[in-house]
Amino acid sequence: MTSPTLIAIAAGLAVVVLAGALIRAGLERRRLRRRLDGAAAELQRLQTSFGRFAPNPVIEGILARGTPSDAQRREVTVLFADLVGFTALSEALDPEVLVTVLNDYFGRMSRVIGEHSGHVAKFIGDGLMAVFGAFDPNPWQANDSVHAALAMQQALAGYNAELTGRGLPVLQVGIGIHCGSAIAGVIGSAELLEFTVVGSTVNLAARVERLTRELDGNVLITESVRTLLDPRFILDPLAPQRVRGVAEAVTTYAVRGFRE
């Protein structure tokens, strides 16, 4: 066999080997791409799911470090909203209808709160707790929270019109707002974590919401909120009330609207 023939055979074998290597490399790249795409989709799914419980910056910190973000003391505004007379309503409706009504209500309220820079920290039965300024400092958090409360009332009026058209009872909500210092962070167990705030500020906001059953106002705020508000909010001062856990009587204001 001549030397040129051997050279040609060797070159052909080299081409075959190179082609096989390129094919294997291409297959491996496709396998890696599928795995990366799958991992990215799973990460997106987890982030979307956890996004129901915490703001995106908190989620990103947890994903990056593998541990919950450090808790911090912050100046926050806390909003509690609770449906009035919902116990009687729950006994009058079929369970499936009740759950649908409640889920639609929560969905609408959550969207309104998010549109005003708030975060729904938790749902409590037929009530919810939202926080403003809990993750990033927000000098307008008091205004945001009260605008959110008025928008919630407006959204509820629209929803009640739909409920009436379906032959269902209308809903009424009481809202209480208070601002002050609180601990903000990711709290819970390995099975369930949530981004929330804790402290006396939270407790007083809940107490103020309960006062909507006794006083003339569906949206009540405390003096600490009033001092930070835009003067265009229309407020009615109400008689000071004793509330559990607070030594002095608490002055509240009923929010009637906003002068555009």
C-alpha atoms as a PDB file:
ATOM      1  CA  MET A   1       0.000   0.000   0.000  1.00  0.00           C
ATOM      2  CA  THR A   2       1.454   3.342  -1.005  1.00  0.00           C
ATOM      3  CA  SER A   3       2.219   6.042   1.467  1.00  0.00           C
ATOM      4  CA  PRO A   4      -0.397   8.420  -0.027  1.00  0.00           C
ATOM      5  CA  THR A   5      -3.036   5.704   0.466  1.00  0.00           C
ATOM      6  CA  LEU A   6      -2.108   5.283   4.130  1.00  0.00           C
ATOM      7  CA  ILE A   7      -2.217   9.014   4.576  1.00  0.00           C
ATOM      8  CA  ALA A   8      -5.685   9.151   3.023  1.00  0.00           C
ATOM      9  CA  ILE A   9      -6.946   6.317   5.252  1.00  0.00           C
ATOM     10  CA  ALA A  10      -5.518   7.992   8.346  1.00  0.00           C
ATOM     11  CA  ALA A  11      -7.081  11.303   7.354  1.00  0.00           C
ATOM     12  CA  GLY A  12     -10.422   9.589   6.823  1.00  0.00           C
ATOM     13  CA  LEU A  13     -10.252   7.911  10.216  1.00  0.00           C
ATOM     14  CA  ALA A  14      -9.356  11.247  11.815  1.00  0.00           C
ATOM     15  CA  VAL A  15     -12.363  12.853  10.175  1.00  0.00           C
ATOM     16  CA  VAL A  16     -14.626  10.069  11.436  1.00  0.00           C
ATOM     17  CA  VAL A  17     -13.221  10.353  14.965  1.00  0.00           C
ATOM     18  CA  LEU A  18     -13.572  14.131  14.898  1.00  0.00           C
ATOM     19  CA  ALA A  19     -17.112  13.908  13.586  1.00  0.00           C
ATOM     20  CA  GLY A  20     -18.015  11.436  16.332  1.00  0.00           C
ATOM     21  CA  ALA A  21     -16.516  13.722  18.956  1.00  0.00           C
ATOM     22  CA  LEU A  22     -18.443  16.684  17.595  1.00  0.00           C
ATOM     23  CA  ILE A  23     -21.683  14.687  17.581  1.00  0.00           C
ATOM     24  CA  ARG A  24     -21.111  13.551  21.170  1.00  0.00           C
ATOM     25  CA  ALA A  25     -20.271  17.111  22.216  1.00  0.00           C
ATOM     26  CA  GLY A  26     -23.423  18.370  20.557  1.00  0.00           C
ATOM     27  CA  LEU A  27     -25.537  15.762  22.301  1.00  0.00           C
ATOM     28  CA  GLU A  28     -23.928  16.607  25.640  1.00  0.00           C
ATOM     29  CA  ARG A  29     -24.554  20.314  25.099  1.00  0.00           C
ATOM     30  CA  ARG A  30     -28.219  19.577  24.362  1.00  0.00           C
ATOM     31  CA  ARG A  31     -28.489  17.425  27.491  1.00  0.00           C
ATOM     32  CA  LEU A  32     -26.893  20.159  29.586  1.00  0.00           C
ATOM     33  CA  ARG A  33     -29.184  22.751  28.013  1.00  0.00           C
ATOM     34  CA  ARG A  34     -32.251  20.678  28.870  1.00  0.00           C
ATOM     35  CA  ARG A  35     -31.030  20.281  32.450  1.00  0.00           C
ATOM     36  CA  LEU A  36     -30.310  24.006  32.772  1.00  0.00           C
ATOM     37  CA  ASP A  37     -33.689  24.882  31.286  1.00  0.00           C
ATOM     38  CA  GLY A  38     -35.363  22.476  33.710  1.00  0.00           C
ATOM     39  CA  ALA A  39     -33.479  23.941  36.676  1.00  0.00           C
ATOM     40  CA  ALA A  40     -34.355  27.484  35.585  1.00  0.00           C
ATOM     41  CA  ALA A  41     -38.025  26.540  35.243  1.00  0.00           C
ATOM     42  CA  GLU A  42     -38.019  24.941  38.702  1.00  0.00           C
ATOM     43  CA  LEU A  43     -36.323  28.009  40.191  1.00  0.00           C
ATOM     44  CA  GLN A  44     -38.898  30.241  38.558  1.00  0.00           C
ATOM     45  CA  ARG A  45     -41.698  28.050  39.905  1.00  0.00           C
ATOM     46  CA  LEU A  46     -40.292  28.191  43.425  1.00  0.00           C
ATOM     47  CA  GLN A  47     -39.790  31.951  43.225  1.00  0.00           C
ATOM     48  CA  THR A  48     -43.331  32.450  41.949  1.00  0.00           C
ATOM     49  CA  SER A  49     -44.773  30.230  44.672  1.00  0.00           C
ATOM     50  CA  PHE A  50     -42.803  31.865  47.481  1.00  0.00           C
ATOM     51  CA  GLY A  51     -43.616  35.258  45.988  1.00  0.00           C
ATOM     52  CA  ARG A  52     -47.074  34.849  47.491  1.00  0.00           C
ATOM     53  CA  PHE A  53     -45.486  35.029  50.952  1.00  0.00           C
ATOM     54  CA  ALA A  54     -42.587  37.495  50.634  1.00  0.00           C
ATOM     55  CA  PRO A  55     -41.423  40.445  48.512  1.00  0.00           C
ATOM     56  CA  ASN A  56     -39.066  39.619  45.630  1.00  0.00           C
ATOM     57  CA  PRO A  57     -35.941  41.109  47.286  1.00  0.00           C
ATOM     58  CA  VAL A  58     -36.488  38.793  50.270  1.00  0.00           C
ATOM     59  CA  ILE A  59     -36.888  35.783  47.982  1.00  0.00           C
ATOM     60  CA  GLU A  60     -33.700  36.638  46.096  1.00  0.00           C
ATOM     61  CA  GLY A  61     -31.781  36.875  49.364  1.00  0.00           C
ATOM     62  CA  ILE A  62     -33.055  33.481  50.504  1.00  0.00           C
ATOM     63  CA  LEU A  63     -32.238  31.855  47.148  1.00  0.00           C
ATOM     64  CA  ALA A  64     -28.752  33.371  47.147  1.00  0.00           C
ATOM     65  CA  ARG A  65     -27.808  32.460  50.731  1.00  0.00           C
ATOM     66  CA  GLY A  66     -30.063  29.508  51.420  1.00  0.00           C
ATOM     67  CA  THR A  67     -31.226  31.081  54.693  1.00  0.00           C
ATOM     68  CA  PRO A  68     -33.914  33.643  55.543  1.00  0.00           C
ATOM     69  CA  SER A  69     -32.971  37.307  55.452  1.00  0.00           C
ATOM     70  CA  ASP A  70     -31.875  38.869  58.725  1.00  0.00           C
ATOM     71  CA  ALA A  71     -34.654  40.480  60.730  1.00  0.00           C
ATOM     72  CA  GLN A  72     -34.510  44.253  61.127  1.00  0.00           C
ATOM     73  CA  ARG A  73     -36.280  46.865  63.205  1.00  0.00           C
ATOM     74  CA  ARG A  74     -38.078  49.267  60.893  1.00  0.00           C
ATOM     75  CA  GLU A  75     -40.595  52.062  60.925  1.00  0.00           C
ATOM     76  CA  VAL A  76     -43.636  50.493  59.295  1.00  0.00           C
ATOM     77  CA  THR A  77     -47.311  51.114  58.713  1.00  0.00           C
ATOM     78  CA  VAL A  78     -49.625  48.195  59.415  1.00  0.00           C
ATOM     79  CA  LEU A  79     -53.109  47.802  57.947  1.00  0.00           C
ATOM     80  CA  PHE A  80     -55.631  45.290  59.260  1.00  0.00           C
ATOM     81  CA  ALA A  81     -58.819  44.583  57.305  1.00  0.00           C
ATOM     82  CA  ASP A  82     -61.568  42.297  58.540  1.00  0.00           C
ATOM     83  CA  LEU A  83     -64.993  41.455  57.144  1.00  0.00           C
ATOM     84  CA  VAL A  84     -67.858  42.546  59.392  1.00  0.00           C
ATOM     85  CA  GLY A  85     -70.496  39.948  60.196  1.00  0.00           C
ATOM     86  CA  PHE A  86     -68.750  37.254  58.202  1.00  0.00           C
ATOM     87  CA  THR A  87     -69.530  34.505  60.730  1.00  0.00           C
ATOM     88  CA  ALA A  88     -73.256  34.834  60.082  1.00  0.00           C
ATOM     89  CA  LEU A  89     -72.597  35.045  56.352  1.00  0.00           C
ATOM     90  CA  SER A  90     -70.512  31.870  56.400  1.00  0.00           C
ATOM     91  CA  GLU A  91     -73.415  29.957  57.956  1.00  0.00           C
ATOM     92  CA  ALA A  92     -75.832  31.161  55.286  1.00  0.00           C
ATOM     93  CA  LEU A  93     -73.781  30.175  52.212  1.00  0.00           C
ATOM     94  CA  ASP A  94     -72.753  26.829  50.792  1.00  0.00           C
ATOM     95  CA  PRO A  95     -69.058  26.088  51.459  1.00  0.00           C
ATOM     96  CA  GLU A  96     -68.108  26.201  47.763  1.00  0.00           C
ATOM     97  CA  VAL A  97     -69.827  29.552  47.264  1.00  0.00           C
ATOM     98  CA  LEU A  98     -68.313  30.931  50.457  1.00  0.00           C
ATOM     99  CA  VAL A  99     -64.772  29.976  49.454  1.00  0.00           C
ATOM    100  CA  THR A 100     -65.244  31.465  45.984  1.00  0.00           C
ATOM    101  CA  VAL A 101     -66.555  34.741  47.417  1.00  0.00           C
ATOM    102  CA  LEU A 102     -63.736  34.929  49.943  1.00  0.00           C
ATOM    103  CA  ASN A 103     -61.013  34.118  47.415  1.00  0.00           C
ATOM    104  CA  ASP A 104     -62.324  36.720  44.962  1.00  0.00           C
ATOM    105  CA  TYR A 105     -62.430  39.277  47.752  1.00  0.00           C
ATOM    106  CA  PHE A 106     -58.868  38.535  48.876  1.00  0.00           C
ATOM    107  CA  GLY A 107     -57.624  38.665  45.301  1.00  0.00           C
ATOM    108  CA  ARG A 108     -59.088  42.115  44.721  1.00  0.00           C
ATOM    109  CA  MET A 109     -57.851  43.494  48.029  1.00  0.00           C
ATOM    110  CA  SER A 110     -54.349  42.083  47.484  1.00  0.00           C
ATOM    111  CA  ARG A 111     -54.080  43.712  44.065  1.00  0.00           C
ATOM    112  CA  VAL A 112     -55.124  47.088  45.461  1.00  0.00           C
ATOM    113  CA  ILE A 113     -52.607  46.849  48.314  1.00  0.00           C
ATOM    114  CA  GLY A 114     -49.819  45.898  45.913  1.00  0.00           C
ATOM    115  CA  GLU A 115     -50.675  48.839  43.651  1.00  0.00           C
ATOM    116  CA  HIS A 116     -50.065  51.145  46.631  1.00  0.00           C
ATOM    117  CA  SER A 117     -46.614  49.775  47.564  1.00  0.00           C
ATOM    118  CA  GLY A 118     -47.933  47.450  50.277  1.00  0.00           C
ATOM    119  CA  HIS A 119     -47.405  43.761  50.936  1.00  0.00           C
ATOM    120  CA  VAL A 120     -50.038  41.345  52.243  1.00  0.00           C
ATOM    121  CA  ALA A 121     -48.201  39.620  55.080  1.00  0.00           C
ATOM    122  CA  LYS A 122     -50.904  37.128  55.986  1.00  0.00           C
ATOM    123  CA  PHE A 123     -54.542  36.121  55.739  1.00  0.00           C
ATOM    124  CA  ILE A 124     -56.264  35.509  59.058  1.00  0.00           C
ATOM    125  CA  GLY A 125     -59.597  33.778  58.571  1.00  0.00           C
ATOM    126  CA  ASP A 126     -61.691  36.402  56.785  1.00  0.00           C
ATOM    127  CA  GLY A 127     -59.169  39.144  57.548  1.00  0.00           C
ATOM    128  CA  LEU A 128     -55.787  40.216  56.249  1.00  0.00           C
ATOM    129  CA  MET A 129     -52.724  42.082  57.475  1.00  0.00           C
ATOM    130  CA  ALA A 130     -50.745  44.300  55.125  1.00  0.00           C
ATOM    131  CA  VAL A 131     -47.512  46.196  55.769  1.00  0.00           C
ATOM    132  CA  PHE A 132     -46.007  49.276  54.156  1.00  0.00           C
ATOM    133  CA  GLY A 133     -42.320  50.169  54.413  1.00  0.00           C
ATOM    134  CA  ALA A 134     -41.397  46.805  55.910  1.00  0.00           C
ATOM    135  CA  PHE A 135     -38.647  45.922  53.445  1.00  0.00           C
ATOM    136  CA  ASP A 136     -37.460  49.203  51.920  1.00  0.00           C
ATOM    137  CA  PRO A 137     -37.694  52.528  53.770  1.00  0.00           C
ATOM    138  CA  ASN A 138     -40.717  54.410  52.434  1.00  0.00           C
ATOM    139  CA  PRO A 139     -41.273  57.999  53.611  1.00  0.00           C
ATOM    140  CA  TRP A 140     -44.729  57.978  51.990  1.00  0.00           C
ATOM    141  CA  GLN A 141     -45.890  54.740  53.601  1.00  0.00           C
ATOM    142  CA  ALA A 142     -48.609  56.377  55.726  1.00  0.00           C
ATOM    143  CA  ASN A 143     -50.111  58.061  52.663  1.00  0.00           C
ATOM    144  CA  ASP A 144     -49.798  54.841  50.662  1.00  0.00           C
ATOM    145  CA  SER A 145     -51.616  52.845  53.329  1.00  0.00           C
ATOM    146  CA  VAL A 146     -54.568  55.244  53.605  1.00  0.00           C
ATOM    147  CA  HIS A 147     -54.845  55.583  49.829  1.00  0.00           C
ATOM    148  CA  ALA A 148     -54.868  51.776  49.744  1.00  0.00           C
ATOM    149  CA  ALA A 149     -57.653  51.659  52.338  1.00  0.00           C
ATOM    150  CA  LEU A 150     -59.834  54.045  50.315  1.00  0.00           C
ATOM    151  CA  ALA A 151     -59.107  52.085  47.132  1.00  0.00           C
ATOM    152  CA  MET A 152     -60.054  48.876  48.964  1.00  0.00           C
ATOM    153  CA  GLN A 153     -63.401  50.428  49.853  1.00  0.00           C
ATOM    154  CA  GLN A 154     -63.927  51.414  46.235  1.00  0.00           C
ATOM    155  CA  ALA A 155     -62.951  47.956  44.960  1.00  0.00           C
ATOM    156  CA  LEU A 156     -65.312  46.360  47.483  1.00  0.00           C
ATOM    157  CA  ALA A 157     -68.181  48.542  46.273  1.00  0.00           C
ATOM    158  CA  GLY A 158     -67.623  47.228  42.758  1.00  0.00           C
ATOM    159  CA  TYR A 159     -67.438  43.652  44.004  1.00  0.00           C
ATOM    160  CA  ASN A 160     -70.616  44.100  46.035  1.00  0.00           C
ATOM    161  CA  ALA A 161     -72.415  45.189  42.877  1.00  0.00           C
ATOM    162  CA  GLU A 162     -71.362  41.896  41.275  1.00  0.00           C
ATOM    163  CA  LEU A 163     -72.449  39.909  44.330  1.00  0.00           C
ATOM    164  CA  THR A 164     -75.861  41.591  44.301  1.00  0.00           C
ATOM    165  CA  GLY A 165     -76.259  40.697  40.645  1.00  0.00           C
ATOM    166  CA  ARG A 166     -75.589  37.065  41.534  1.00  0.00           C
ATOM    167  CA  GLY A 167     -78.114  37.130  44.352  1.00  0.00           C
ATOM    168  CA  LEU A 168     -75.454  36.955  47.068  1.00  0.00           C
ATOM    169  CA  PRO A 169     -75.108  39.054  50.249  1.00  0.00           C
ATOM    170  CA  VAL A 170     -72.818  42.078  50.111  1.00  0.00           C
ATOM    171  CA  LEU A 171     -69.637  42.392  52.167  1.00  0.00           C
ATOM    172  CA  GLN A 172     -68.572  45.089  54.618  1.00  0.00           C
ATOM    173  CA  VAL A 173     -64.980  45.576  55.727  1.00  0.00           C
ATOM    174  CA  GLY A 174     -63.451  47.409  58.671  1.00  0.00           C
ATOM    175  CA  ILE A 175     -59.909  48.747  58.290  1.00  0.00           C
ATOM    176  CA  GLY A 176     -57.520  49.913  61.009  1.00  0.00           C
ATOM    177  CA  ILE A 177     -54.122  51.528  60.382  1.00  0.00           C
ATOM    178  CA  HIS A 178     -51.276  52.323  62.768  1.00  0.00           C
ATOM    179  CA  CYS A 179     -47.597  53.098  62.238  1.00  0.00           C
ATOM    180  CA  GLY A 180     -44.519  52.749  64.399  1.00  0.00           C
ATOM    181  CA  SER A 181     -41.517  50.574  65.080  1.00  0.00           C
ATOM    182  CA  ALA A 182     -41.674  46.811  64.456  1.00  0.00           C
ATOM    183  CA  ILE A 183     -39.443  43.825  63.735  1.00  0.00           C
ATOM    184  CA  ALA A 184     -39.616  42.817  60.060  1.00  0.00           C
ATOM    185  CA  GLY A 185     -38.285  39.513  58.801  1.00  0.00           C
ATOM    186  CA  VAL A 186     -38.939  35.992  57.581  1.00  0.00           C
ATOM    187  CA  ILE A 187     -40.569  34.075  60.424  1.00  0.00           C
ATOM    188  CA  GLY A 188     -41.836  30.528  60.721  1.00  0.00           C
ATOM    189  CA  SER A 189     -40.689  26.919  60.602  1.00  0.00           C
ATOM    190  CA  ALA A 190     -38.873  24.813  58.031  1.00  0.00           C
ATOM    191  CA  GLU A 191     -42.273  23.781  56.656  1.00  0.00           C
ATOM    192  CA  LEU A 192     -43.775  27.257  56.406  1.00  0.00           C
ATOM    193  CA  LEU A 193     -42.067  30.638  56.263  1.00  0.00           C
ATOM    194  CA  GLU A 194     -43.633  34.060  55.811  1.00  0.00           C
ATOM    195  CA  PHE A 195     -42.346  37.607  55.633  1.00  0.00           C
ATOM    196  CA  THR A 196     -44.133  39.570  58.336  1.00  0.00           C
ATOM    197  CA  VAL A 197     -43.764  42.148  61.102  1.00  0.00           C
ATOM    198  CA  VAL A 198     -44.256  41.684  64.826  1.00  0.00           C
ATOM    199  CA  GLY A 199     -44.485  43.991  67.837  1.00  0.00           C
ATOM    200  CA  SER A 200     -46.777  46.406  69.637  1.00  0.00           C
ATOM    201  CA  THR A 201     -47.349  48.414  66.451  1.00  0.00           C
ATOM    202  CA  VAL A 202     -48.974  45.369  64.889  1.00  0.00           C
ATOM    203  CA  ASN A 203     -51.085  44.697  67.971  1.00  0.00           C
ATOM    204  CA  LEU A 204     -52.430  48.249  68.104  1.00  0.00           C
ATOM    205  CA  ALA A 205     -53.305  48.231  64.404  1.00  0.00           C
ATOM    206  CA  ALA A 206     -55.397  45.112  65.038  1.00  0.00           C
ATOM    207  CA  ARG A 207     -57.102  46.780  68.021  1.00  0.00           C
ATOM    208  CA  VAL A 208     -57.923  49.853  65.927  1.00  0.00           C
ATOM    209  CA  GLU A 209     -59.515  47.672  63.261  1.00  0.00           C
ATOM    210  CA  ARG A 210     -61.790  46.191  65.939  1.00  0.00           C
ATOM    211  CA  LEU A 211     -62.934  49.712  66.863  1.00  0.00           C
ATOM    212  CA  THR A 212     -64.661  50.024  63.476  1.00  0.00           C
ATOM    213  CA  ARG A 213     -67.463  47.915  64.998  1.00  0.00           C
ATOM    214  CA  GLU A 214     -68.032  50.508  67.717  1.00  0.00           C
ATOM    215  CA  LEU A 215     -67.203  53.874  66.116  1.00  0.00           C
ATOM    216  CA  ASP A 216     -68.534  55.797  63.130  1.00  0.00           C
ATOM    217  CA  GLY A 217     -66.003  54.859  60.500  1.00  0.00           C
ATOM    218  CA  ASN A 218     -65.042  51.934  58.273  1.00  0.00           C
ATOM    219  CA  VAL A 219     -61.462  53.183  57.973  1.00  0.00           C
ATOM    220  CA  LEU A 220     -59.785  54.291  61.209  1.00  0.00           C
ATOM    221  CA  ILE A 221     -56.262  55.600  61.690  1.00  0.00           C
ATOM    222  CA  THR A 222     -54.269  56.540  64.777  1.00  0.00           C
ATOM    223  CA  GLU A 223     -52.683  59.865  65.691  1.00  0.00           C
ATOM    224  CA  SER A 224     -49.252  58.612  64.608  1.00  0.00           C
ATOM    225  CA  VAL A 225     -50.613  58.013  61.106  1.00  0.00           C
ATOM    226  CA  ARG A 226     -52.471  61.326  60.976  1.00  0.00           C
ATOM    227  CA  THR A 227     -49.332  63.367  61.689  1.00  0.00           C
ATOM    228  CA  LEU A 228     -47.708  61.917  58.540  1.00  0.00           C
ATOM    229  CA  LEU A 229     -50.655  62.305  56.181  1.00  0.00           C
ATOM    230  CA  ASP A 230     -51.192  64.596  53.248  1.00  0.00           C
ATOM    231  CA  PRO A 231     -53.581  67.340  54.521  1.00  0.00           C
ATOM    232  CA  ARG A 232     -55.914  66.632  51.628  1.00  0.00           C
ATOM    233  CA  PHE A 233     -57.218  63.528  53.379  1.00  0.00           C
ATOM    234  CA  ILE A 234     -60.633  64.196  54.912  1.00  0.00           C
ATOM    235  CA  LEU A 235     -60.570  63.099  58.557  1.00  0.00           C
ATOM    236  CA  ASP A 236     -63.061  63.162  61.412  1.00  0.00           C
ATOM    237  CA  PRO A 237     -61.599  62.987  64.927  1.00  0.00           C
ATOM    238  CA  LEU A 238     -63.347  60.450  67.161  1.00  0.00           C
ATOM    239  CA  ALA A 239     -63.559  60.137  70.927  1.00  0.00           C
ATOM    240  CA  PRO A 240     -60.517  58.475  72.547  1.00  0.00           C
ATOM    241  CA  GLN A 241     -61.059  54.789  73.315  1.00  0.00           C
ATOM    242  CA  ARG A 242     -59.527  52.358  75.761  1.00  0.00           C
ATOM    243  CA  VAL A 243     -58.010  49.336  74.043  1.00  0.00           C
ATOM    244  CA  ARG A 244     -56.493  46.219  75.499  1.00  0.00           C
ATOM    245  CA  GLY A 245     -52.741  46.335  75.993  1.00  0.00           C
ATOM    246  CA  VAL A 246     -52.446  50.152  75.852  1.00  0.00           C
ATOM    247  CA  ALA A 247     -52.217  52.205  79.037  1.00  0.00           C
ATOM    248  CA  GLU A 248     -53.674  55.435  77.645  1.00  0.00           C
ATOM    249  CA  ALA A 249     -56.841  55.948  75.614  1.00  0.00           C
ATOM    250  CA  VAL A 250     -56.226  55.826  71.871  1.00  0.00           C
ATOM    251  CA  THR A 251     -57.354  58.693  69.640  1.00  0.00           C
ATOM    252  CA  THR A 252     -58.533  57.632  66.207  1.00  0.00           C
ATOM    253  CA  TYR A 253     -59.705  59.416  63.076  1.00  0.00           C
ATOM    254  CA  ALA A 254     -62.276  58.232  60.552  1.00  0.00           C
ATOM    255  CA  VAL A 255     -61.063  58.634  56.963  1.00  0.00           C
ATOM    256  CA  ARG A 256     -63.872  60.051  54.818  1.00  0.00           C
ATOM    257  CA  GLY A 257     -62.041  60.622  51.552  1.00  0.00           C
ATOM    258  CA  PHE A 258     -59.347  62.565  49.739  1.00  0.00           C
ATOM    259  CA  ARG A 259     -59.570  66.018  48.121  1.00  0.00           C
ATOM    260  CA  GLU A 260     -58.154  65.671  44.608  1.00  0.00           C
END
